[in-house]
């Protein structure tokens, strides 16, 4: 989600290479995010090659921002 939050859209290969994960692992996570409505999937062709790109939805942006706020609250509440 972090990578998608700072880019308009990214294709599958770019995300996979950036995160250094397997195709299967990434596909599983992307399907879960799509199911929740946090990302949008667009399939197209670049020349004769299929290309799948992903972008964050408004619901996804809100969920990610809420998640960051929760992490900040957690960190601020920790006493060492």
C-alpha atoms as a PDB file:
ATOM      1  CA  UNK A   1       0.000   0.000   0.000  1.00  0.00           C
ATOM      2  CA  UNK A   2       2.865   2.389   0.763  1.00  0.00           C
ATOM      3  CA  UNK A   3       4.217   2.107  -2.767  1.00  0.00           C
ATOM      4  CA  UNK A   4       0.770   2.599  -4.254  1.00  0.00           C
ATOM      5  CA  UNK A   5       0.046   5.599  -2.029  1.00  0.00           C
ATOM      6  CA  UNK A   6       2.918   7.582  -3.570  1.00  0.00           C
ATOM      7  CA  UNK A   7       2.311   6.514  -7.186  1.00  0.00           C
ATOM      8  CA  UNK A   8      -0.747   6.960  -9.376  1.00  0.00           C
ATOM      9  CA  UNK A   9      -0.511   3.310 -10.439  1.00  0.00           C
ATOM     10  CA  UNK A  10       2.029   0.507 -10.554  1.00  0.00           C
ATOM     11  CA  UNK A  11       2.108  -2.670 -12.600  1.00  0.00           C
ATOM     12  CA  UNK A  12       2.435  -6.152 -11.136  1.00  0.00           C
ATOM     13  CA  UNK A  13       6.074  -6.630 -12.139  1.00  0.00           C
ATOM     14  CA  UNK A  14       7.165  -3.304 -10.677  1.00  0.00           C
ATOM     15  CA  UNK A  15       5.487  -4.046  -7.340  1.00  0.00           C
ATOM     16  CA  UNK A  16       6.886  -7.589  -7.259  1.00  0.00           C
ATOM     17  CA  UNK A  17      10.416  -6.453  -7.979  1.00  0.00           C
ATOM     18  CA  UNK A  18      10.246  -3.568  -5.514  1.00  0.00           C
ATOM     19  CA  UNK A  19       8.985  -5.799  -2.685  1.00  0.00           C
ATOM     20  CA  UNK A  20      11.163  -8.766  -3.679  1.00  0.00           C
ATOM     21  CA  UNK A  21       8.323 -11.280  -3.268  1.00  0.00           C
ATOM     22  CA  UNK A  22       7.092 -14.196  -5.346  1.00  0.00           C
ATOM     23  CA  UNK A  23       4.333 -13.852  -7.914  1.00  0.00           C
ATOM     24  CA  UNK A  24       2.036 -16.042  -5.842  1.00  0.00           C
ATOM     25  CA  UNK A  25       2.642 -14.159  -2.621  1.00  0.00           C
ATOM     26  CA  UNK A  26       2.009 -10.792  -4.244  1.00  0.00           C
ATOM     27  CA  UNK A  27      -1.078 -12.036  -6.086  1.00  0.00           C
ATOM     28  CA  UNK A  28      -2.578 -13.255  -2.810  1.00  0.00           C
ATOM     29  CA  UNK A  29      -2.055  -9.901  -1.100  1.00  0.00           C
ATOM     30  CA  UNK A  30      -3.334  -7.912  -4.068  1.00  0.00           C
ATOM     31  CA  UNK A  31      -6.491 -10.047  -4.259  1.00  0.00           C
ATOM     32  CA  UNK A  32      -7.150  -9.429  -0.562  1.00  0.00           C
ATOM     33  CA  UNK A  33      -6.718  -5.657  -1.016  1.00  0.00           C
ATOM     34  CA  UNK A  34      -8.979  -5.709  -4.070  1.00  0.00           C
ATOM     35  CA  UNK A  35     -11.636  -7.712  -2.217  1.00  0.00           C
ATOM     36  CA  UNK A  36     -11.679  -5.052   0.538  1.00  0.00           C
ATOM     37  CA  UNK A  37     -12.037  -2.327  -2.091  1.00  0.00           C
ATOM     38  CA  UNK A  38      -8.686  -0.756  -1.182  1.00  0.00           C
ATOM     39  CA  UNK A  39      -7.159  -1.040  -4.666  1.00  0.00           C
ATOM     40  CA  UNK A  40      -8.429  -0.895  -8.220  1.00  0.00           C
ATOM     41  CA  UNK A  41      -7.171  -3.320 -10.858  1.00  0.00           C
ATOM     42  CA  UNK A  42      -6.897  -2.401 -14.540  1.00  0.00           C
ATOM     43  CA  UNK A  43      -5.980  -4.952 -17.185  1.00  0.00           C
ATOM     44  CA  UNK A  44      -4.715  -3.836 -20.559  1.00  0.00           C
ATOM     45  CA  UNK A  45      -2.229  -4.725 -23.262  1.00  0.00           C
ATOM     46  CA  UNK A  46       1.101  -3.061 -23.931  1.00  0.00           C
ATOM     47  CA  UNK A  47       1.767  -4.096 -27.476  1.00  0.00           C
ATOM     48  CA  UNK A  48       0.855  -7.771 -27.408  1.00  0.00           C
ATOM     49  CA  UNK A  49       1.728  -8.298 -23.752  1.00  0.00           C
ATOM     50  CA  UNK A  50      -0.923  -8.254 -21.025  1.00  0.00           C
ATOM     51  CA  UNK A  51      -0.366  -5.625 -18.352  1.00  0.00           C
ATOM     52  CA  UNK A  52      -2.116  -5.375 -14.990  1.00  0.00           C
ATOM     53  CA  UNK A  53      -1.862  -2.154 -13.040  1.00  0.00           C
ATOM     54  CA  UNK A  54      -3.001  -1.314  -9.542  1.00  0.00           C
ATOM     55  CA  UNK A  55      -4.022   1.955  -7.925  1.00  0.00           C
ATOM     56  CA  UNK A  56      -5.380   2.941  -4.524  1.00  0.00           C
ATOM     57  CA  UNK A  57      -9.095   3.738  -4.174  1.00  0.00           C
ATOM     58  CA  UNK A  58     -10.461   6.491  -1.931  1.00  0.00           C
ATOM     59  CA  UNK A  59     -11.474   3.798   0.595  1.00  0.00           C
ATOM     60  CA  UNK A  60      -7.939   2.426   0.410  1.00  0.00           C
ATOM     61  CA  UNK A  61      -6.424   5.851   1.061  1.00  0.00           C
ATOM     62  CA  UNK A  62      -8.636   6.361   4.091  1.00  0.00           C
ATOM     63  CA  UNK A  63      -7.906   2.883   5.460  1.00  0.00           C
ATOM     64  CA  UNK A  64      -4.154   3.395   5.009  1.00  0.00           C
ATOM     65  CA  UNK A  65      -4.229   6.806   6.702  1.00  0.00           C
ATOM     66  CA  UNK A  66      -6.276   5.343   9.577  1.00  0.00           C
ATOM     67  CA  UNK A  67      -3.729   2.550   9.891  1.00  0.00           C
ATOM     68  CA  UNK A  68      -0.854   5.026  10.079  1.00  0.00           C
ATOM     69  CA  UNK A  69      -2.694   7.035  12.755  1.00  0.00           C
ATOM     70  CA  UNK A  70      -3.242   3.857  14.783  1.00  0.00           C
ATOM     71  CA  UNK A  71       0.458   3.000  14.531  1.00  0.00           C
ATOM     72  CA  UNK A  72       1.426   6.517  15.627  1.00  0.00           C
ATOM     73  CA  UNK A  73      -0.912   6.264  18.608  1.00  0.00           C
ATOM     74  CA  UNK A  74       0.572   2.911  19.523  1.00  0.00           C
ATOM     75  CA  UNK A  75       4.137   4.206  19.270  1.00  0.00           C
ATOM     76  CA  UNK A  76       3.391   7.350  21.284  1.00  0.00           C
ATOM     77  CA  UNK A  77       1.744   5.258  23.995  1.00  0.00           C
ATOM     78  CA  UNK A  78       4.751   2.962  24.466  1.00  0.00           C
ATOM     79  CA  UNK A  79       6.926   3.634  27.496  1.00  0.00           C
ATOM     80  CA  UNK A  80      10.499   2.414  27.510  1.00  0.00           C
END
